[in-house]
Amino acid sequence: FRARNEHGDWAWFLQRGQAVERDAE
């Protein structure tokens, strides 16, 4: 996704993640 960086410009970012714990559902 694009987000504003510290200079106010649009920059591209990549987020990755994983659930390490889930409930019964």
PDB file of all heavy atoms in Angstrom:
ATOM      1  N   PHE A   1       0.840  -1.190   0.000  1.00  0.00           N
ATOM      2  CA  PHE A   1       0.000   0.000   0.000  1.00  0.00           C
ATOM      3  C   PHE A   1       0.876   1.242   0.000  1.00  0.00           C
ATOM      4  O   PHE A   1       2.064   1.191   0.315  1.00  0.00           O
ATOM      5  CB  PHE A   1      -0.929   0.009   1.219  1.00  0.00           C
ATOM      6  CG  PHE A   1      -0.189  -0.038   2.529  1.00  0.00           C
ATOM      7  CD1 PHE A   1       0.162   1.129   3.190  1.00  0.00           C
ATOM      8  CD2 PHE A   1       0.168  -1.244   3.091  1.00  0.00           C
ATOM      9  CE1 PHE A   1       0.848   1.095   4.389  1.00  0.00           C
ATOM     10  CE2 PHE A   1       0.859  -1.300   4.301  1.00  0.00           C
ATOM     11  CZ  PHE A   1       1.194  -0.124   4.947  1.00  0.00           C
ATOM     12  N   ARG A   2       0.262   2.355  -0.340  1.00  0.00           N
ATOM     13  CA  ARG A   2       0.934   3.651  -0.289  1.00  0.00           C
ATOM     14  C   ARG A   2       0.531   4.377   0.987  1.00  0.00           C
ATOM     15  O   ARG A   2      -0.617   4.312   1.408  1.00  0.00           O
ATOM     16  CB  ARG A   2       0.518   4.511  -1.490  1.00  0.00           C
ATOM     17  CG  ARG A   2       1.020   3.974  -2.807  1.00  0.00           C
ATOM     18  CD  ARG A   2       0.248   4.568  -3.951  1.00  0.00           C
ATOM     19  NE  ARG A   2      -1.089   3.941  -3.964  1.00  0.00           N
ATOM     20  CZ  ARG A   2      -2.008   4.186  -4.879  1.00  0.00           C
ATOM     21  NH1 ARG A   2      -1.785   5.066  -5.840  1.00  0.00           N
ATOM     22  NH2 ARG A   2      -3.175   3.576  -4.841  1.00  0.00           N
ATOM     23  N   ALA A   3       1.510   5.064   1.560  1.00  0.00           N
ATOM     24  CA  ALA A   3       1.252   5.888   2.744  1.00  0.00           C
ATOM     25  C   ALA A   3       2.195   7.082   2.706  1.00  0.00           C
ATOM     26  O   ALA A   3       3.227   7.053   2.036  1.00  0.00           O
ATOM     27  CB  ALA A   3       1.456   5.088   4.022  1.00  0.00           C
ATOM     28  N   ARG A   4       1.826   8.115   3.408  1.00  0.00           N
ATOM     29  CA  ARG A   4       2.687   9.303   3.478  1.00  0.00           C
ATOM     30  C   ARG A   4       3.934   8.982   4.291  1.00  0.00           C
ATOM     31  O   ARG A   4       3.858   8.404   5.371  1.00  0.00           O
ATOM     32  CB  ARG A   4       1.953  10.461   4.135  1.00  0.00           C
ATOM     33  CG  ARG A   4       0.766  10.970   3.360  1.00  0.00           C
ATOM     34  CD  ARG A   4       1.202  11.897   2.279  1.00  0.00           C
ATOM     35  NE  ARG A   4       0.015  12.437   1.609  1.00  0.00           N
ATOM     36  CZ  ARG A   4       0.058  13.070   0.488  1.00  0.00           C
ATOM     37  NH1 ARG A   4       1.218  13.268  -0.116  1.00  0.00           N
ATOM     38  NH2 ARG A   4      -1.033  13.526  -0.066  1.00  0.00           N
ATOM     39  N   ASN A   5       5.080   9.385   3.765  1.00  0.00           N
ATOM     40  CA  ASN A   5       6.314   9.214   4.529  1.00  0.00           C
ATOM     41  C   ASN A   5       6.585  10.470   5.352  1.00  0.00           C
ATOM     42  O   ASN A   5       5.775  11.400   5.379  1.00  0.00           O
ATOM     43  CB  ASN A   5       7.492   8.852   3.604  1.00  0.00           C
ATOM     44  CG  ASN A   5       7.836   9.948   2.614  1.00  0.00           C
ATOM     45  OD1 ASN A   5       7.473  11.116   2.775  1.00  0.00           O
ATOM     46  ND2 ASN A   5       8.553   9.568   1.571  1.00  0.00           N
ATOM     47  N   GLU A   6       7.730  10.497   6.003  1.00  0.00           N
ATOM     48  CA  GLU A   6       8.050  11.616   6.901  1.00  0.00           C
ATOM     49  C   GLU A   6       8.198  12.948   6.177  1.00  0.00           C
ATOM     50  O   GLU A   6       8.153  14.005   6.798  1.00  0.00           O
ATOM     51  CB  GLU A   6       9.313  11.309   7.718  1.00  0.00           C
ATOM     52  CG  GLU A   6      10.585  11.187   6.901  1.00  0.00           C
ATOM     53  CD  GLU A   6      10.829   9.789   6.330  1.00  0.00           C
ATOM     54  OE1 GLU A   6       9.952   8.917   6.407  1.00  0.00           O
ATOM     55  OE2 GLU A   6      11.919   9.580   5.788  1.00  0.00           O
ATOM     56  N   HIS A   7       8.344  12.918   4.835  1.00  0.00           N
ATOM     57  CA  HIS A   7       8.474  14.142   4.045  1.00  0.00           C
ATOM     58  C   HIS A   7       7.145  14.577   3.422  1.00  0.00           C
ATOM     59  O   HIS A   7       7.095  15.579   2.720  1.00  0.00           O
ATOM     60  CB  HIS A   7       9.508  13.945   2.931  1.00  0.00           C
ATOM     61  CG  HIS A   7      10.838  13.503   3.435  1.00  0.00           C
ATOM     62  ND1 HIS A   7      11.675  14.312   4.179  1.00  0.00           N
ATOM     63  CD2 HIS A   7      11.477  12.314   3.341  1.00  0.00           C
ATOM     64  CE1 HIS A   7      12.762  13.639   4.505  1.00  0.00           C
ATOM     65  NE2 HIS A   7      12.661  12.425   4.008  1.00  0.00           N
ATOM     66  N   GLY A   8       6.091  13.791   3.668  1.00  0.00           N
ATOM     67  CA  GLY A   8       4.788  14.108   3.113  1.00  0.00           C
ATOM     68  C   GLY A   8       4.548  13.544   1.726  1.00  0.00           C
ATOM     69  O   GLY A   8       3.508  13.805   1.122  1.00  0.00           O
ATOM     70  N   ASP A   9       5.502  12.764   1.210  1.00  0.00           N
ATOM     71  CA  ASP A   9       5.359  12.136  -0.107  1.00  0.00           C
ATOM     72  C   ASP A   9       4.714  10.764   0.043  1.00  0.00           C
ATOM     73  O   ASP A   9       4.768  10.148   1.106  1.00  0.00           O
ATOM     74  CB  ASP A   9       6.735  11.962  -0.767  1.00  0.00           C
ATOM     75  CG  ASP A   9       7.451  13.280  -0.969  1.00  0.00           C
ATOM     76  OD1 ASP A   9       6.792  14.266  -1.369  1.00  0.00           O
ATOM     77  OD2 ASP A   9       8.676  13.325  -0.706  1.00  0.00           O
ATOM     78  N   TRP A  10       4.130  10.270  -1.062  1.00  0.00           N
ATOM     79  CA  TRP A  10       3.589   8.911  -1.060  1.00  0.00           C
ATOM     80  C   TRP A  10       4.737   7.926  -1.223  1.00  0.00           C
ATOM     81  O   TRP A  10       5.580   8.078  -2.092  1.00  0.00           O
ATOM     82  CB  TRP A  10       2.574   8.703  -2.184  1.00  0.00           C
ATOM     83  CG  TRP A  10       1.306   9.454  -1.989  1.00  0.00           C
ATOM     84  CD1 TRP A  10       0.858  10.502  -2.726  1.00  0.00           C
ATOM     85  CD2 TRP A  10       0.319   9.233  -0.985  1.00  0.00           C
ATOM     86  NE1 TRP A  10      -0.344  10.945  -2.243  1.00  0.00           N
ATOM     87  CE2 TRP A  10      -0.702  10.188  -1.170  1.00  0.00           C
ATOM     88  CE3 TRP A  10       0.196   8.329   0.060  1.00  0.00           C
ATOM     89  CZ2 TRP A  10      -1.832  10.245  -0.365  1.00  0.00           C
ATOM     90  CZ3 TRP A  10      -0.933   8.389   0.867  1.00  0.00           C
ATOM     91  CH2 TRP A  10      -1.926   9.346   0.655  1.00  0.00           C
ATOM     92  N   ALA A  11       4.769   6.921  -0.386  1.00  0.00           N
ATOM     93  CA  ALA A  11       5.770   5.861  -0.465  1.00  0.00           C
ATOM     94  C   ALA A  11       5.047   4.519  -0.402  1.00  0.00           C
ATOM     95  O   ALA A  11       3.961   4.413   0.166  1.00  0.00           O
ATOM     96  CB  ALA A  11       6.757   5.971   0.695  1.00  0.00           C
ATOM     97  N   TRP A  12       5.641   3.510  -1.002  1.00  0.00           N
ATOM     98  CA  TRP A  12       5.076   2.161  -0.996  1.00  0.00           C
ATOM     99  C   TRP A  12       5.625   1.379   0.190  1.00  0.00           C
ATOM    100  O   TRP A  12       6.809   1.440   0.496  1.00  0.00           O
ATOM    101  CB  TRP A  12       5.413   1.424  -2.287  1.00  0.00           C
ATOM    102  CG  TRP A  12       4.542   1.828  -3.418  1.00  0.00           C
ATOM    103  CD1 TRP A  12       4.825   2.760  -4.378  1.00  0.00           C
ATOM    104  CD2 TRP A  12       3.239   1.336  -3.722  1.00  0.00           C
ATOM    105  NE1 TRP A  12       3.784   2.881  -5.251  1.00  0.00           N
ATOM    106  CE2 TRP A  12       2.786   2.008  -4.873  1.00  0.00           C
ATOM    107  CE3 TRP A  12       2.399   0.404  -3.134  1.00  0.00           C
ATOM    108  CZ2 TRP A  12       1.542   1.753  -5.441  1.00  0.00           C
ATOM    109  CZ3 TRP A  12       1.165   0.156  -3.699  1.00  0.00           C
ATOM    110  CH2 TRP A  12       0.740   0.831  -4.843  1.00  0.00           C
ATOM    111  N   PHE A  13       4.727   0.628   0.834  1.00  0.00           N
ATOM    112  CA  PHE A  13       5.079  -0.215   1.968  1.00  0.00           C
ATOM    113  C   PHE A  13       4.543  -1.620   1.744  1.00  0.00           C
ATOM    114  O   PHE A  13       3.551  -1.806   1.037  1.00  0.00           O
ATOM    115  CB  PHE A  13       4.496   0.346   3.274  1.00  0.00           C
ATOM    116  CG  PHE A  13       5.082   1.668   3.656  1.00  0.00           C
ATOM    117  CD1 PHE A  13       4.526   2.850   3.201  1.00  0.00           C
ATOM    118  CD2 PHE A  13       6.217   1.727   4.449  1.00  0.00           C
ATOM    119  CE1 PHE A  13       5.073   4.077   3.537  1.00  0.00           C
ATOM    120  CE2 PHE A  13       6.777   2.954   4.790  1.00  0.00           C
ATOM    121  CZ  PHE A  13       6.200   4.126   4.334  1.00  0.00           C
ATOM    122  N   LEU A  14       5.204  -2.577   2.345  1.00  0.00           N
ATOM    123  CA  LEU A  14       4.769  -3.968   2.300  1.00  0.00           C
ATOM    124  C   LEU A  14       4.611  -4.455   3.731  1.00  0.00           C
ATOM    125  O   LEU A  14       5.541  -4.349   4.533  1.00  0.00           O
ATOM    126  CB  LEU A  14       5.802  -4.834   1.577  1.00  0.00           C
ATOM    127  CG  LEU A  14       5.552  -6.344   1.603  1.00  0.00           C
ATOM    128  CD1 LEU A  14       4.276  -6.690   0.832  1.00  0.00           C
ATOM    129  CD2 LEU A  14       6.743  -7.088   1.016  1.00  0.00           C
ATOM    130  N   GLN A  15       3.421  -4.960   4.036  1.00  0.00           N
ATOM    131  CA  GLN A  15       3.175  -5.549   5.351  1.00  0.00           C
ATOM    132  C   GLN A  15       2.979  -7.041   5.178  1.00  0.00           C
ATOM    133  O   GLN A  15       2.272  -7.484   4.270  1.00  0.00           O
ATOM    134  CB  GLN A  15       1.920  -4.974   6.002  1.00  0.00           C
ATOM    135  CG  GLN A  15       2.125  -3.653   6.649  1.00  0.00           C
ATOM    136  CD  GLN A  15       0.925  -3.222   7.477  1.00  0.00           C
ATOM    137  OE1 GLN A  15      -0.198  -3.659   7.255  1.00  0.00           O
ATOM    138  NE2 GLN A  15       1.163  -2.337   8.422  1.00  0.00           N
ATOM    139  N   ARG A  16       3.602  -7.791   6.075  1.00  0.00           N
ATOM    140  CA  ARG A  16       3.429  -9.243   6.116  1.00  0.00           C
ATOM    141  C   ARG A  16       3.232  -9.643   7.561  1.00  0.00           C
ATOM    142  O   ARG A  16       3.853  -9.073   8.457  1.00  0.00           O
ATOM    143  CB  ARG A  16       4.664  -9.956   5.578  1.00  0.00           C
ATOM    144  CG  ARG A  16       4.851  -9.806   4.101  1.00  0.00           C
ATOM    145  CD  ARG A  16       6.054 -10.597   3.661  1.00  0.00           C
ATOM    146  NE  ARG A  16       6.158 -10.549   2.209  1.00  0.00           N
ATOM    147  CZ  ARG A  16       7.278 -10.745   1.553  1.00  0.00           C
ATOM    148  NH1 ARG A  16       8.397 -11.004   2.204  1.00  0.00           N
ATOM    149  NH2 ARG A  16       7.293 -10.700   0.233  1.00  0.00           N
ATOM    150  N   GLY A  17       2.375 -10.623   7.765  1.00  0.00           N
ATOM    151  CA  GLY A  17       2.145 -11.070   9.124  1.00  0.00           C
ATOM    152  C   GLY A  17       1.497 -12.431   9.165  1.00  0.00           C
ATOM    153  O   GLY A  17       1.125 -13.003   8.133  1.00  0.00           O
ATOM    154  N   GLN A  18       1.368 -12.938  10.375  1.00  0.00           N
ATOM    155  CA  GLN A  18       0.782 -14.244  10.584  1.00  0.00           C
ATOM    156  C   GLN A  18       0.201 -14.303  11.987  1.00  0.00           C
ATOM    157  O   GLN A  18       0.779 -13.772  12.933  1.00  0.00           O
ATOM    158  CB  GLN A  18       1.852 -15.319  10.429  1.00  0.00           C
ATOM    159  CG  GLN A  18       1.339 -16.710  10.590  1.00  0.00           C
ATOM    160  CD  GLN A  18       2.426 -17.746  10.359  1.00  0.00           C
ATOM    161  OE1 GLN A  18       3.594 -17.416  10.183  1.00  0.00           O
ATOM    162  NE2 GLN A  18       2.042 -19.001  10.359  1.00  0.00           N
ATOM    163  N   ALA A  19      -0.918 -14.975  12.104  1.00  0.00           N
ATOM    164  CA  ALA A  19      -1.490 -15.222  13.421  1.00  0.00           C
ATOM    165  C   ALA A  19      -0.663 -16.304  14.096  1.00  0.00           C
ATOM    166  O   ALA A  19      -0.397 -17.351  13.500  1.00  0.00           O
ATOM    167  CB  ALA A  19      -2.938 -15.671  13.300  1.00  0.00           C
ATOM    168  N   VAL A  20      -0.234 -16.051  15.307  1.00  0.00           N
ATOM    169  CA  VAL A  20       0.510 -17.052  16.061  1.00  0.00           C
ATOM    170  C   VAL A  20      -0.356 -17.686  17.143  1.00  0.00           C
ATOM    171  O   VAL A  20       0.062 -18.645  17.791  1.00  0.00           O
ATOM    172  CB  VAL A  20       1.807 -16.464  16.671  1.00  0.00           C
ATOM    173  CG1 VAL A  20       2.775 -16.081  15.569  1.00  0.00           C
ATOM    174  CG2 VAL A  20       1.516 -15.287  17.566  1.00  0.00           C
ATOM    175  N   GLU A  21      -1.565 -17.148  17.292  1.00  0.00           N
ATOM    176  CA  GLU A  21      -2.523 -17.729  18.228  1.00  0.00           C
ATOM    177  C   GLU A  21      -3.931 -17.424  17.729  1.00  0.00           C
ATOM    178  O   GLU A  21      -4.218 -16.306  17.314  1.00  0.00           O
ATOM    179  CB  GLU A  21      -2.318 -17.144  19.631  1.00  0.00           C
ATOM    180  CG  GLU A  21      -3.213 -17.737  20.679  1.00  0.00           C
ATOM    181  CD  GLU A  21      -2.983 -17.128  22.055  1.00  0.00           C
ATOM    182  OE1 GLU A  21      -2.041 -16.335  22.223  1.00  0.00           O
ATOM    183  OE2 GLU A  21      -3.781 -17.445  22.949  1.00  0.00           O
ATOM    184  N   ARG A  22      -4.777 -18.434  17.754  1.00  0.00           N
ATOM    185  CA  ARG A  22      -6.179 -18.282  17.358  1.00  0.00           C
ATOM    186  C   ARG A  22      -7.072 -18.830  18.470  1.00  0.00           C
ATOM    187  O   ARG A  22      -6.663 -19.713  19.219  1.00  0.00           O
ATOM    188  CB  ARG A  22      -6.454 -19.025  16.047  1.00  0.00           C
ATOM    189  CG  ARG A  22      -5.742 -18.397  14.860  1.00  0.00           C
ATOM    190  CD  ARG A  22      -6.170 -19.041  13.538  1.00  0.00           C
ATOM    191  NE  ARG A  22      -5.506 -18.408  12.424  1.00  0.00           N
ATOM    192  CZ  ARG A  22      -5.930 -17.314  11.803  1.00  0.00           C
ATOM    193  NH1 ARG A  22      -7.056 -16.733  12.179  1.00  0.00           N
ATOM    194  NH2 ARG A  22      -5.252 -16.796  10.800  1.00  0.00           N
ATOM    195  N   ASP A  23      -8.296 -18.300  18.546  1.00  0.00           N
ATOM    196  CA  ASP A  23      -9.231 -18.791  19.550  1.00  0.00           C
ATOM    197  C   ASP A  23      -9.922 -20.061  19.040  1.00  0.00           C
ATOM    198  O   ASP A  23      -9.612 -20.564  17.958  1.00  0.00           O
ATOM    199  CB  ASP A  23     -10.232 -17.702  19.947  1.00  0.00           C
ATOM    200  CG  ASP A  23     -11.142 -17.250  18.825  1.00  0.00           C
ATOM    201  OD1 ASP A  23     -11.245 -17.936  17.784  1.00  0.00           O
ATOM    202  OD2 ASP A  23     -11.778 -16.186  18.986  1.00  0.00           O
ATOM    203  N   ALA A  24     -10.857 -20.580  19.807  1.00  0.00           N
ATOM    204  CA  ALA A  24     -11.535 -21.830  19.466  1.00  0.00           C
ATOM    205  C   ALA A  24     -12.310 -21.747  18.151  1.00  0.00           C
ATOM    206  O   ALA A  24     -12.502 -22.754  17.471  1.00  0.00           O
ATOM    207  CB  ALA A  24     -12.481 -22.231  20.601  1.00  0.00           C
ATOM    208  N   GLU A  25     -12.723 -20.543  17.755  1.00  0.00           N
ATOM    209  CA  GLU A  25     -13.459 -20.358  16.499  1.00  0.00           C
ATOM    210  C   GLU A  25     -12.533 -20.081  15.317  1.00  0.00           C
ATOM    211  O   GLU A  25     -12.978 -19.882  14.197  1.00  0.00           O
ATOM    212  CB  GLU A  25     -14.481 -19.223  16.628  1.00  0.00           C
ATOM    213  CG  GLU A  25     -15.675 -19.551  17.512  1.00  0.00           C
ATOM    214  CD  GLU A  25     -15.353 -19.429  19.000  1.00  0.00           C
ATOM    215  OE1 GLU A  25     -14.625 -18.489  19.378  1.00  0.00           O
ATOM    216  OE2 GLU A  25     -15.816 -20.289  19.768  1.00  0.00           O
TER     217      GLU A  25
END
